[in-house]
Every structure is written in structure tokens, then in C-alpha cells.
Amino acid sequence: MLIRSSSAPENLERLREGKKRMKEACMQLALANTPATVELVVIRRRLSGAADYCGKVLIVPRPVTRRAVHVFLHELAHIVLGHFEGKYTADYQAEAAAERWATAKMRAAGIPVSRRNIQGGKQYVARKIWQALYDGCEVDPKVRRWAVSGVDKAKWKEALTRIPRPTPIKGPVFV
């Protein structure tokens, strides 16, 4: 599409206004969902995050873009959903729940979630499922189906072949 030079400043101004509105919406969403139990939010430059073991500290990017607010909400979900309250939840289940919670909050606020974001979350959960399978754990088939839908099928099958199968013990076993 060819942009006329006379309309270029108008388009640039509209783009700036749109970015400003998105930044404000992302910040408001992050603030509205942060519970009072969070005592400290450490801002980092990278688009990755962490929540501490007691649920009082978030280490997250500044929530000014859609991707950054998704990471912020994902880490916040671990606190809100009670993943630090001593209830045992498998890693893959906690990560899947956090991904779904963050996506739902963004959609409820009218902030679109990109396919790339959803795909990345599913791949992360699929990696956690693979780790659980590698450790010999049972995996919830619903969560597995949801996560694996975001992964290349050939790569997933190849990854499953790297999981060691238990070999039967021959001979006497001394304990």
C-alpha cells in the first residue's frame, strides 16, 4: 500500500496514539490484577519472568507491550492460583494453568493475544510435559493434548523417542 506524503504525519500520529493507549491498557491490566500480597515487583529488561517461592516477589518485564504484560500476568498467575501455598501441582499443570489464566485476563481486558504468544506458551508447557514423562510421571491427557497442539508433531515424536524406557532387572536384586 502506497502512503501519500501528505497523510504520512497523520498516520504517524495515529500510530503513536495507538501505542500510547496500548501501553496504558497493559499497565492498567497489570496493576488491576496484582494482589496486595505481592510486596515487591522487580523489573527486568528481558521478556522472561519468575515468581518467588513464597509468592511475594515478582521478577518480570515492565508491562508496556502485549508480550510483556503476558509474561507479567503468567508469573502473577502462579501467585493468584496458589502454586506457592504448599499444594503439590506438577510443573506442567501449574504452567498450563498460568498460561490459560494470563490469556483469559488479557482477552477479558480487550487486549489481543498473538498466536505467537499462545504457541510459545504451549511449547513451554510441552517441554514441561516431556520432562515429566522423562522422569516417569503420569501426565494428564487433557493438558497434554492442549500443549502438544502447539508443537510440531514430528519434533514431538522425535523428542519422545529420547525418553529412556525402563529395562527389566535380570538376576538377584540386593537391597
Protein backbone atom coordinates (compact mmCIF):
# COMPACT_ATOMS: atom_id res chain seq x y z
CA MET A 1 0.00 0.00 0.00
CA LEU A 2 1.34 3.38 -1.01
CA ILE A 3 1.05 6.15 1.59
CA ARG A 4 0.74 9.71 0.34
CA SER A 5 3.27 12.07 1.81
CA SER A 6 0.54 14.46 3.00
CA SER A 7 -1.13 11.71 5.09
CA ALA A 8 2.12 10.29 6.49
CA PRO A 9 2.25 12.66 9.50
CA GLU A 10 -1.39 11.86 10.29
CA ASN A 11 -0.72 8.13 10.15
CA LEU A 12 2.37 8.53 12.29
CA GLU A 13 0.37 10.46 14.89
CA ARG A 14 -2.40 7.82 14.88
CA LEU A 15 0.24 5.10 15.35
CA ARG A 16 1.78 6.97 18.29
CA GLU A 17 -1.62 7.44 19.91
CA GLY A 18 -2.44 3.75 19.45
CA LYS A 19 0.85 2.68 21.04
CA LYS A 20 0.23 5.06 23.94
CA ARG A 21 -3.28 3.65 24.51
CA MET A 22 -1.95 0.06 24.37
CA LYS A 23 0.81 0.91 26.85
CA GLU A 24 -1.73 2.43 29.25
CA ALA A 25 -4.11 -0.53 28.86
CA CYS A 26 -1.29 -3.01 29.55
CA MET A 27 -0.16 -1.12 32.66
CA GLN A 28 -3.73 -0.86 33.96
CA LEU A 29 -4.31 -4.59 33.42
CA ALA A 30 -1.14 -5.46 35.31
CA LEU A 31 -1.98 -3.14 38.22
CA ALA A 32 -5.60 -4.26 38.42
CA ASN A 33 -4.63 -7.93 38.75
CA THR A 34 -1.71 -7.61 41.16
CA PRO A 35 -2.87 -8.78 44.60
CA ALA A 36 -1.94 -6.98 47.81
CA THR A 37 0.17 -9.97 48.90
CA VAL A 38 2.82 -9.04 46.32
CA GLU A 39 5.34 -6.94 48.23
CA LEU A 40 7.94 -6.29 45.54
CA VAL A 41 7.96 -6.18 41.75
CA VAL A 42 11.46 -6.30 40.28
CA ILE A 43 11.53 -5.00 36.71
CA ARG A 44 13.91 -6.74 34.33
CA ARG A 45 14.82 -5.95 30.74
CA ARG A 46 14.36 -9.43 29.30
CA LEU A 47 10.99 -10.84 28.28
CA SER A 48 11.08 -13.59 30.87
CA GLY A 49 9.98 -13.68 34.46
CA ALA A 50 9.85 -15.51 37.76
CA ALA A 51 7.79 -15.54 40.90
CA ASP A 52 9.48 -16.39 44.19
CA TYR A 53 8.66 -19.43 46.28
CA CYS A 54 6.54 -17.58 48.85
CA GLY A 55 4.53 -15.55 46.36
CA LYS A 56 5.60 -12.10 47.49
CA VAL A 57 8.13 -11.09 44.82
CA LEU A 58 7.68 -10.91 41.06
CA ILE A 59 10.63 -10.59 38.70
CA VAL A 60 9.04 -9.51 35.43
CA PRO A 61 9.43 -7.15 32.46
CA ARG A 62 7.73 -3.75 32.61
CA PRO A 63 4.20 -4.47 31.32
CA VAL A 64 4.07 -1.95 28.47
CA THR A 65 3.63 -4.29 25.48
CA ARG A 66 1.33 -7.24 24.84
CA ARG A 67 4.17 -9.76 25.19
CA ALA A 68 5.49 -8.14 28.37
CA VAL A 69 2.05 -7.99 30.01
CA HIS A 70 1.52 -11.66 29.13
CA VAL A 71 4.75 -12.60 30.92
CA PHE A 72 3.76 -10.38 33.85
CA LEU A 73 0.32 -12.00 34.12
CA HIS A 74 1.74 -15.50 33.71
CA GLU A 75 4.03 -15.05 36.70
CA LEU A 76 1.24 -13.34 38.62
CA ALA A 77 -1.00 -16.33 37.90
CA HIS A 78 1.35 -18.59 39.87
CA ILE A 79 0.66 -16.42 42.93
CA VAL A 80 -3.07 -15.92 42.34
CA LEU A 81 -3.70 -19.62 41.64
CA GLY A 82 -1.88 -20.63 44.81
CA HIS A 83 1.05 -22.51 43.34
CA PHE A 84 3.21 -21.48 46.32
CA GLU A 85 0.79 -22.48 49.09
CA GLY A 86 2.17 -25.95 49.67
CA LYS A 87 -0.33 -27.75 47.45
CA TYR A 88 1.56 -30.09 45.17
CA THR A 89 0.92 -29.46 41.50
CA ALA A 90 3.02 -30.93 38.73
CA ASP A 91 5.15 -28.34 36.92
CA TYR A 92 3.36 -28.82 33.63
CA GLN A 93 -0.06 -28.41 35.26
CA ALA A 94 0.99 -25.20 37.02
CA GLU A 95 2.46 -23.77 33.82
CA ALA A 96 -0.61 -24.70 31.76
CA ALA A 97 -2.93 -23.10 34.32
CA ALA A 98 -0.79 -19.94 34.41
CA GLU A 99 -0.78 -19.70 30.59
CA ARG A 100 -4.54 -20.08 30.40
CA TRP A 101 -5.14 -17.56 33.23
CA ALA A 102 -2.89 -14.93 31.63
CA THR A 103 -4.52 -15.37 28.23
CA ALA A 104 -8.03 -15.18 29.69
CA LYS A 105 -7.23 -11.97 31.61
CA MET A 106 -5.80 -10.31 28.51
CA ARG A 107 -8.80 -11.25 26.39
CA ALA A 108 -11.22 -10.10 29.10
CA ALA A 109 -9.49 -6.71 29.10
CA GLY A 110 -9.79 -6.47 25.31
CA ILE A 111 -6.07 -6.85 24.67
CA PRO A 112 -5.47 -9.26 21.77
CA VAL A 113 -3.18 -12.21 22.37
CA SER A 114 -0.99 -13.08 19.40
CA ARG A 115 -0.80 -16.60 18.01
CA ARG A 116 2.94 -16.47 18.57
CA ASN A 117 2.36 -15.83 22.29
CA ILE A 118 -0.08 -18.73 22.59
CA GLN A 119 2.23 -21.01 20.59
CA GLY A 120 5.19 -20.12 22.79
CA GLY A 121 3.20 -20.88 25.93
CA LYS A 122 2.09 -24.25 24.60
CA GLN A 123 5.65 -25.13 23.64
CA TYR A 124 6.84 -24.24 27.14
CA VAL A 125 4.16 -26.48 28.69
CA ALA A 126 5.03 -29.25 26.21
CA ARG A 127 8.66 -29.08 27.37
CA LYS A 128 7.49 -29.43 31.00
CA ILE A 129 5.33 -32.42 29.96
CA TRP A 130 8.32 -34.00 28.24
CA GLN A 131 10.34 -33.55 31.45
CA ALA A 132 7.57 -35.22 33.45
CA LEU A 133 7.45 -38.13 31.00
CA TYR A 134 11.24 -38.39 31.13
CA ASP A 135 11.02 -38.63 34.92
CA GLY A 136 8.48 -41.43 34.57
CA CYS A 137 5.44 -39.47 35.74
CA GLU A 138 1.88 -39.86 34.52
CA VAL A 139 0.58 -36.90 32.52
CA ASP A 140 -2.97 -35.57 32.35
CA PRO A 141 -4.13 -36.34 28.79
CA LYS A 142 -6.23 -33.14 28.51
CA VAL A 143 -3.28 -30.90 29.32
CA ARG A 144 -1.02 -32.97 27.06
CA ARG A 145 -3.46 -32.64 24.14
CA TRP A 146 -3.73 -28.86 24.67
CA ALA A 147 0.04 -28.33 24.87
CA VAL A 148 1.05 -30.66 22.07
CA SER A 149 -1.38 -28.88 19.71
CA GLY A 150 1.15 -26.03 19.69
CA VAL A 151 4.17 -28.19 18.82
CA ASP A 152 5.40 -29.61 15.53
CA LYS A 153 4.23 -33.25 15.56
CA ALA A 154 7.41 -34.63 14.03
CA LYS A 155 9.59 -32.87 16.60
CA TRP A 156 7.35 -34.10 19.44
CA LYS A 157 7.54 -37.73 18.25
CA GLU A 158 11.31 -37.45 17.90
CA ALA A 159 11.56 -35.98 21.41
CA LEU A 160 9.51 -38.86 22.81
CA THR A 161 11.99 -41.35 21.37
CA ARG A 162 14.69 -39.86 23.62
CA ILE A 163 12.80 -40.85 26.77
CA PRO A 164 14.53 -43.90 28.25
CA ARG A 165 12.33 -46.92 28.73
CA PRO A 166 12.81 -48.93 31.93
CA THR A 167 14.75 -52.11 31.39
CA PRO A 168 13.81 -55.22 33.34
CA ILE A 169 16.29 -56.19 36.02
CA LYS A 170 17.84 -59.61 35.48
CA GLY A 171 19.27 -61.63 38.29
CA PRO A 172 19.06 -61.11 42.01
CA VAL A 173 18.46 -57.63 43.43
CA PHE A 174 20.26 -56.78 46.67
CA VAL A 175 18.71 -54.06 48.79
